[in-house]
Each structure stands twice: as structure tokens, then as C-alpha cells.
Amino acid sequence: MEIEKLKHLLQHWIDHNNEHVSKYLEWAEKIEDEYPDVSQKIKESIEFFESGNLKLKEAFELIR
């Protein structure tokens, strides 16, 4: 059934985004002292990923 595939994909996308967020934060912290403005922009992008993940989680819950 297509809905089962979608559930699987949503969970995969959520997990994958979390992996990206983890790497973004790692790099933002590595460069924070030398490039604070760049670090800040990376951290700001994390907020968008987290916001998107909340929407993906809401979608997942609607089809559970």
C-alpha cells in the first residue's frame, strides 16, 4: 500500500534531516571562533531543518 511506503519515507526523511543537523552543528562549532558570522548562519539554517522536521513528524502522526 502506498501509505506504508509514505510512512517509511517520512521516517527516513526525519532521520536523515537529523543527521544533517548534527553535522551542521558540528561544523558551526568548529568554526565559531574564527568565522562567527558563518557559524551563526549555519546555526540559523538548523532552525529551518528543525521546523521542517516538525512538519514531517506532524504528517507522520496523521497517517499512523
PDB file of N, CA and C in Angstrom:
ATOM      1  N   MET A   1       0.837  -1.182   0.000  1.00  0.00           N
ATOM      2  CA  MET A   1       0.000   0.000   0.000  1.00  0.00           C
ATOM      3  C   MET A   1       0.886   1.251   0.000  1.00  0.00           C
ATOM      4  N   GLU A   2       0.494   2.267  -0.716  1.00  0.00           N
ATOM      5  CA  GLU A   2       1.285   3.485  -0.838  1.00  0.00           C
ATOM      6  C   GLU A   2       1.489   4.203   0.497  1.00  0.00           C
ATOM      7  N   ILE A   3       0.490   4.161   1.369  1.00  0.00           N
ATOM      8  CA  ILE A   3       0.596   4.878   2.636  1.00  0.00           C
ATOM      9  C   ILE A   3       1.710   4.288   3.499  1.00  0.00           C
ATOM     10  N   GLU A   4       1.913   2.987   3.419  1.00  0.00           N
ATOM     11  CA  GLU A   4       3.001   2.356   4.165  1.00  0.00           C
ATOM     12  C   GLU A   4       4.356   2.827   3.646  1.00  0.00           C
ATOM     13  N   LYS A   5       4.458   2.964   2.358  1.00  0.00           N
ATOM     14  CA  LYS A   5       5.696   3.471   1.766  1.00  0.00           C
ATOM     15  C   LYS A   5       5.930   4.917   2.212  1.00  0.00           C
ATOM     16  N   LEU A   6       4.877   5.717   2.222  1.00  0.00           N
ATOM     17  CA  LEU A   6       4.991   7.099   2.651  1.00  0.00           C
ATOM     18  C   LEU A   6       5.423   7.189   4.114  1.00  0.00           C
ATOM     19  N   LYS A   7       4.851   6.357   4.970  1.00  0.00           N
ATOM     20  CA  LYS A   7       5.246   6.339   6.371  1.00  0.00           C
ATOM     21  C   LYS A   7       6.737   6.041   6.502  1.00  0.00           C
ATOM     22  N   HIS A   8       7.195   5.076   5.746  1.00  0.00           N
ATOM     23  CA  HIS A   8       8.611   4.709   5.765  1.00  0.00           C
ATOM     24  C   HIS A   8       9.462   5.888   5.281  1.00  0.00           C
ATOM     25  N   LEU A   9       9.045   6.519   4.201  1.00  0.00           N
ATOM     26  CA  LEU A   9       9.794   7.658   3.659  1.00  0.00           C
ATOM     27  C   LEU A   9       9.828   8.832   4.637  1.00  0.00           C
ATOM     28  N   LEU A  10       8.707   9.128   5.249  1.00  0.00           N
ATOM     29  CA  LEU A  10       8.671  10.229   6.208  1.00  0.00           C
ATOM     30  C   LEU A  10       9.657   9.991   7.344  1.00  0.00           C
ATOM     31  N   GLN A  11       9.662   8.774   7.874  1.00  0.00           N
ATOM     32  CA  GLN A  11      10.597   8.472   8.962  1.00  0.00           C
ATOM     33  C   GLN A  11      12.042   8.580   8.478  1.00  0.00           C
ATOM     34  N   HIS A  12      12.283   8.112   7.271  1.00  0.00           N
ATOM     35  CA  HIS A  12      13.628   8.211   6.701  1.00  0.00           C
ATOM     36  C   HIS A  12      14.047   9.676   6.545  1.00  0.00           C
ATOM     37  N   TRP A  13      13.162  10.504   6.034  1.00  0.00           N
ATOM     38  CA  TRP A  13      13.472  11.921   5.839  1.00  0.00           C
ATOM     39  C   TRP A  13      13.757  12.616   7.169  1.00  0.00           C
ATOM     40  N   ILE A  14      12.969  12.289   8.177  1.00  0.00           N
ATOM     41  CA  ILE A  14      13.171  12.858   9.512  1.00  0.00           C
ATOM     42  C   ILE A  14      14.544  12.475  10.039  1.00  0.00           C
ATOM     43  N   ASP A  15      14.858  11.199   9.963  1.00  0.00           N
ATOM     44  CA  ASP A  15      16.157  10.714  10.444  1.00  0.00           C
ATOM     45  C   ASP A  15      17.304  11.344   9.660  1.00  0.00           C
ATOM     46  N   HIS A  16      17.136  11.418   8.358  1.00  0.00           N
ATOM     47  CA  HIS A  16      18.171  11.981   7.500  1.00  0.00           C
ATOM     48  C   HIS A  16      18.400  13.461   7.816  1.00  0.00           C
ATOM     49  N   ASN A  17      17.332  14.195   8.012  1.00  0.00           N
ATOM     50  CA  ASN A  17      17.465  15.606   8.382  1.00  0.00           C
ATOM     51  C   ASN A  17      18.191  15.757   9.715  1.00  0.00           C
ATOM     52  N   ASN A  18      17.890  14.867  10.657  1.00  0.00           N
ATOM     53  CA  ASN A  18      18.567  14.911  11.954  1.00  0.00           C
ATOM     54  C   ASN A  18      20.072  14.686  11.802  1.00  0.00           C
ATOM     55  N   GLU A  19      20.448  13.800  10.895  1.00  0.00           N
ATOM     56  CA  GLU A  19      21.872  13.572  10.631  1.00  0.00           C
ATOM     57  C   GLU A  19      22.516  14.842  10.088  1.00  0.00           C
ATOM     58  N   HIS A  20      21.824  15.509   9.175  1.00  0.00           N
ATOM     59  CA  HIS A  20      22.346  16.764   8.635  1.00  0.00           C
ATOM     60  C   HIS A  20      22.491  17.812   9.737  1.00  0.00           C
ATOM     61  N   VAL A  21      21.490  17.958  10.555  1.00  0.00           N
ATOM     62  CA  VAL A  21      21.520  18.939  11.640  1.00  0.00           C
ATOM     63  C   VAL A  21      22.720  18.685  12.539  1.00  0.00           C
ATOM     64  N   SER A  22      22.964  17.448  12.832  1.00  0.00           N
ATOM     65  CA  SER A  22      24.089  17.080  13.680  1.00  0.00           C
ATOM     66  C   SER A  22      25.420  17.530  13.063  1.00  0.00           C
ATOM     67  N   LYS A  23      25.586  17.299  11.784  1.00  0.00           N
ATOM     68  CA  LYS A  23      26.808  17.704  11.076  1.00  0.00           C
ATOM     69  C   LYS A  23      26.914  19.227  10.976  1.00  0.00           C
ATOM     70  N   TYR A  24      25.807  19.879  10.696  1.00  0.00           N
ATOM     71  CA  TYR A  24      25.821  21.341  10.612  1.00  0.00           C
ATOM     72  C   TYR A  24      26.271  21.949  11.934  1.00  0.00           C
ATOM     73  N   LEU A  25      25.731  21.433  13.012  1.00  0.00           N
ATOM     74  CA  LEU A  25      26.091  21.944  14.330  1.00  0.00           C
ATOM     75  C   LEU A  25      27.561  21.668  14.629  1.00  0.00           C
ATOM     76  N   GLU A  26      28.013  20.495  14.284  1.00  0.00           N
ATOM     77  CA  GLU A  26      29.424  20.141  14.483  1.00  0.00           C
ATOM     78  C   GLU A  26      30.334  21.163  13.789  1.00  0.00           C
ATOM     79  N   TRP A  27      30.022  21.471  12.542  1.00  0.00           N
ATOM     80  CA  TRP A  27      30.842  22.403  11.781  1.00  0.00           C
ATOM     81  C   TRP A  27      30.684  23.832  12.267  1.00  0.00           C
ATOM     82  N   ALA A  28      29.497  24.202  12.646  1.00  0.00           N
ATOM     83  CA  ALA A  28      29.278  25.555  13.176  1.00  0.00           C
ATOM     84  C   ALA A  28      30.127  25.778  14.422  1.00  0.00           C
ATOM     85  N   GLU A  29      30.201  24.763  15.257  1.00  0.00           N
ATOM     86  CA  GLU A  29      31.002  24.875  16.472  1.00  0.00           C
ATOM     87  C   GLU A  29      32.498  24.882  16.167  1.00  0.00           C
ATOM     88  N   LYS A  30      32.921  24.109  15.168  1.00  0.00           N
ATOM     89  CA  LYS A  30      34.341  24.063  14.800  1.00  0.00           C
ATOM     90  C   LYS A  30      34.859  25.416  14.332  1.00  0.00           C
ATOM     91  N   ILE A  31      34.025  26.159  13.629  1.00  0.00           N
ATOM     92  CA  ILE A  31      34.482  27.407  13.020  1.00  0.00           C
ATOM     93  C   ILE A  31      34.035  28.647  13.793  1.00  0.00           C
ATOM     94  N   GLU A  32      33.352  28.434  14.892  1.00  0.00           N
ATOM     95  CA  GLU A  32      32.729  29.547  15.608  1.00  0.00           C
ATOM     96  C   GLU A  32      33.711  30.656  15.986  1.00  0.00           C
ATOM     97  N   ASP A  33      34.883  30.306  16.460  1.00  0.00           N
ATOM     98  CA  ASP A  33      35.844  31.324  16.896  1.00  0.00           C
ATOM     99  C   ASP A  33      36.431  32.110  15.727  1.00  0.00           C
ATOM    100  N   GLU A  34      36.740  31.406  14.650  1.00  0.00           N
ATOM    101  CA  GLU A  34      37.385  32.054  13.516  1.00  0.00           C
ATOM    102  C   GLU A  34      36.398  32.733  12.561  1.00  0.00           C
ATOM    103  N   TYR A  35      35.227  32.146  12.423  1.00  0.00           N
ATOM    104  CA  TYR A  35      34.216  32.671  11.487  1.00  0.00           C
ATOM    105  C   TYR A  35      32.845  32.730  12.170  1.00  0.00           C
ATOM    106  N   PRO A  36      32.704  33.606  13.142  1.00  0.00           N
ATOM    107  CA  PRO A  36      31.448  33.635  13.907  1.00  0.00           C
ATOM    108  C   PRO A  36      30.213  33.933  13.060  1.00  0.00           C
ATOM    109  N   ASP A  37      30.359  34.777  12.041  1.00  0.00           N
ATOM    110  CA  ASP A  37      29.202  35.102  11.197  1.00  0.00           C
ATOM    111  C   ASP A  37      28.746  33.895  10.386  1.00  0.00           C
ATOM    112  N   VAL A  38      29.712  33.150   9.871  1.00  0.00           N
ATOM    113  CA  VAL A  38      29.382  31.945   9.104  1.00  0.00           C
ATOM    114  C   VAL A  38      28.763  30.915  10.031  1.00  0.00           C
ATOM    115  N   SER A  39      29.350  30.749  11.205  1.00  0.00           N
ATOM    116  CA  SER A  39      28.820  29.813  12.193  1.00  0.00           C
ATOM    117  C   SER A  39      27.365  30.146  12.527  1.00  0.00           C
ATOM    118  N   GLN A  40      27.096  31.426  12.719  1.00  0.00           N
ATOM    119  CA  GLN A  40      25.735  31.863  13.044  1.00  0.00           C
ATOM    120  C   GLN A  40      24.751  31.529  11.929  1.00  0.00           C
ATOM    121  N   LYS A  41      25.152  31.743  10.694  1.00  0.00           N
ATOM    122  CA  LYS A  41      24.266  31.438   9.560  1.00  0.00           C
ATOM    123  C   LYS A  41      23.974  29.941   9.491  1.00  0.00           C
ATOM    124  N   ILE A  42      24.984  29.134   9.747  1.00  0.00           N
ATOM    125  CA  ILE A  42      24.767  27.678   9.755  1.00  0.00           C
ATOM    126  C   ILE A  42      23.779  27.319  10.859  1.00  0.00           C
ATOM    127  N   LYS A  43      23.964  27.916  12.021  1.00  0.00           N
ATOM    128  CA  LYS A  43      23.044  27.643  13.136  1.00  0.00           C
ATOM    129  C   LYS A  43      21.624  28.097  12.805  1.00  0.00           C
ATOM    130  N   GLU A  44      21.506  29.219  12.108  1.00  0.00           N
ATOM    131  CA  GLU A  44      20.182  29.681  11.694  1.00  0.00           C
ATOM    132  C   GLU A  44      19.537  28.690  10.729  1.00  0.00           C
ATOM    133  N   SER A  45      20.333  28.094   9.860  1.00  0.00           N
ATOM    134  CA  SER A  45      19.780  27.116   8.918  1.00  0.00           C
ATOM    135  C   SER A  45      19.252  25.889   9.651  1.00  0.00           C
ATOM    136  N   ILE A  46      19.884  25.568  10.765  1.00  0.00           N
ATOM    137  CA  ILE A  46      19.435  24.427  11.572  1.00  0.00           C
ATOM    138  C   ILE A  46      17.993  24.625  12.017  1.00  0.00           C
ATOM    139  N   GLU A  47      17.649  25.857  12.348  1.00  0.00           N
ATOM    140  CA  GLU A  47      16.277  26.146  12.782  1.00  0.00           C
ATOM    141  C   GLU A  47      15.262  25.770  11.698  1.00  0.00           C
ATOM    142  N   PHE A  48      15.631  25.990  10.437  1.00  0.00           N
ATOM    143  CA  PHE A  48      14.723  25.644   9.342  1.00  0.00           C
ATOM    144  C   PHE A  48      14.581  24.130   9.206  1.00  0.00           C
ATOM    145  N   PHE A  49      15.685  23.412   9.348  1.00  0.00           N
ATOM    146  CA  PHE A  49      15.614  21.957   9.295  1.00  0.00           C
ATOM    147  C   PHE A  49      14.734  21.427  10.421  1.00  0.00           C
ATOM    148  N   GLU A  50      14.922  21.975  11.626  1.00  0.00           N
ATOM    149  CA  GLU A  50      14.133  21.519  12.765  1.00  0.00           C
ATOM    150  C   GLU A  50      12.655  21.843  12.580  1.00  0.00           C
ATOM    151  N   SER A  51      12.373  22.999  12.029  1.00  0.00           N
ATOM    152  CA  SER A  51      10.986  23.378  11.761  1.00  0.00           C
ATOM    153  C   SER A  51      10.372  22.446  10.714  1.00  0.00           C
ATOM    154  N   GLY A  52      11.128  22.165   9.670  1.00  0.00           N
ATOM    155  CA  GLY A  52      10.658  21.237   8.644  1.00  0.00           C
ATOM    156  C   GLY A  52      10.421  19.853   9.205  1.00  0.00           C
ATOM    157  N   ASN A  53      11.317  19.424  10.081  1.00  0.00           N
ATOM    158  CA  ASN A  53      11.146  18.108  10.687  1.00  0.00           C
ATOM    159  C   ASN A  53       9.891  18.031  11.543  1.00  0.00           C
ATOM    160  N   LEU A  54       9.560  19.124  12.211  1.00  0.00           N
ATOM    161  CA  LEU A  54       8.315  19.134  12.987  1.00  0.00           C
ATOM    162  C   LEU A  54       7.112  18.901  12.076  1.00  0.00           C
ATOM    163  N   LYS A  55       7.131  19.533  10.918  1.00  0.00           N
ATOM    164  CA  LYS A  55       6.023  19.346   9.965  1.00  0.00           C
ATOM    165  C   LYS A  55       5.993  17.914   9.433  1.00  0.00           C
ATOM    166  N   LEU A  56       7.172  17.343   9.164  1.00  0.00           N
ATOM    167  CA  LEU A  56       7.215  15.947   8.709  1.00  0.00           C
ATOM    168  C   LEU A  56       6.690  15.012   9.796  1.00  0.00           C
ATOM    169  N   LYS A  57       7.027  15.293  11.036  1.00  0.00           N
ATOM    170  CA  LYS A  57       6.529  14.477  12.159  1.00  0.00           C
ATOM    171  C   LYS A  57       5.016  14.603  12.292  1.00  0.00           C
ATOM    172  N   GLU A  58       4.502  15.811  12.093  1.00  0.00           N
ATOM    173  CA  GLU A  58       3.050  16.000  12.138  1.00  0.00           C
ATOM    174  C   GLU A  58       2.367  15.208  11.032  1.00  0.00           C
ATOM    175  N   ALA A  59       2.970  15.217   9.855  1.00  0.00           N
ATOM    176  CA  ALA A  59       2.416  14.446   8.722  1.00  0.00           C
ATOM    177  C   ALA A  59       2.443  12.964   9.060  1.00  0.00           C
ATOM    178  N   PHE A  60       3.547  12.513   9.626  1.00  0.00           N
ATOM    179  CA  PHE A  60       3.677  11.103  10.002  1.00  0.00           C
ATOM    180  C   PHE A  60       2.589  10.711  11.008  1.00  0.00           C
ATOM    181  N   GLU A  61       2.371  11.556  11.993  1.00  0.00           N
ATOM    182  CA  GLU A  61       1.355  11.267  13.015  1.00  0.00           C
ATOM    183  C   GLU A  61      -0.047  11.214  12.421  1.00  0.00           C
ATOM    184  N   LEU A  62      -0.301  11.996  11.389  1.00  0.00           N
ATOM    185  CA  LEU A  62      -1.627  11.995  10.775  1.00  0.00           C
ATOM    186  C   LEU A  62      -1.949  10.681  10.055  1.00  0.00           C
ATOM    187  N   ILE A  63      -0.925   9.953   9.670  1.00  0.00           N
ATOM    188  CA  ILE A  63      -1.188   8.695   8.944  1.00  0.00           C
ATOM    189  C   ILE A  63      -0.843   7.453   9.759  1.00  0.00           C
ATOM    190  N   ARG A  64      -0.511   7.627  11.020  1.00  0.00           N
ATOM    191  CA  ARG A  64      -0.193   6.483  11.878  1.00  0.00           C
ATOM    192  C   ARG A  64      -1.374   5.615  12.144  1.00  0.00           C
TER     193      ARG A  64
END
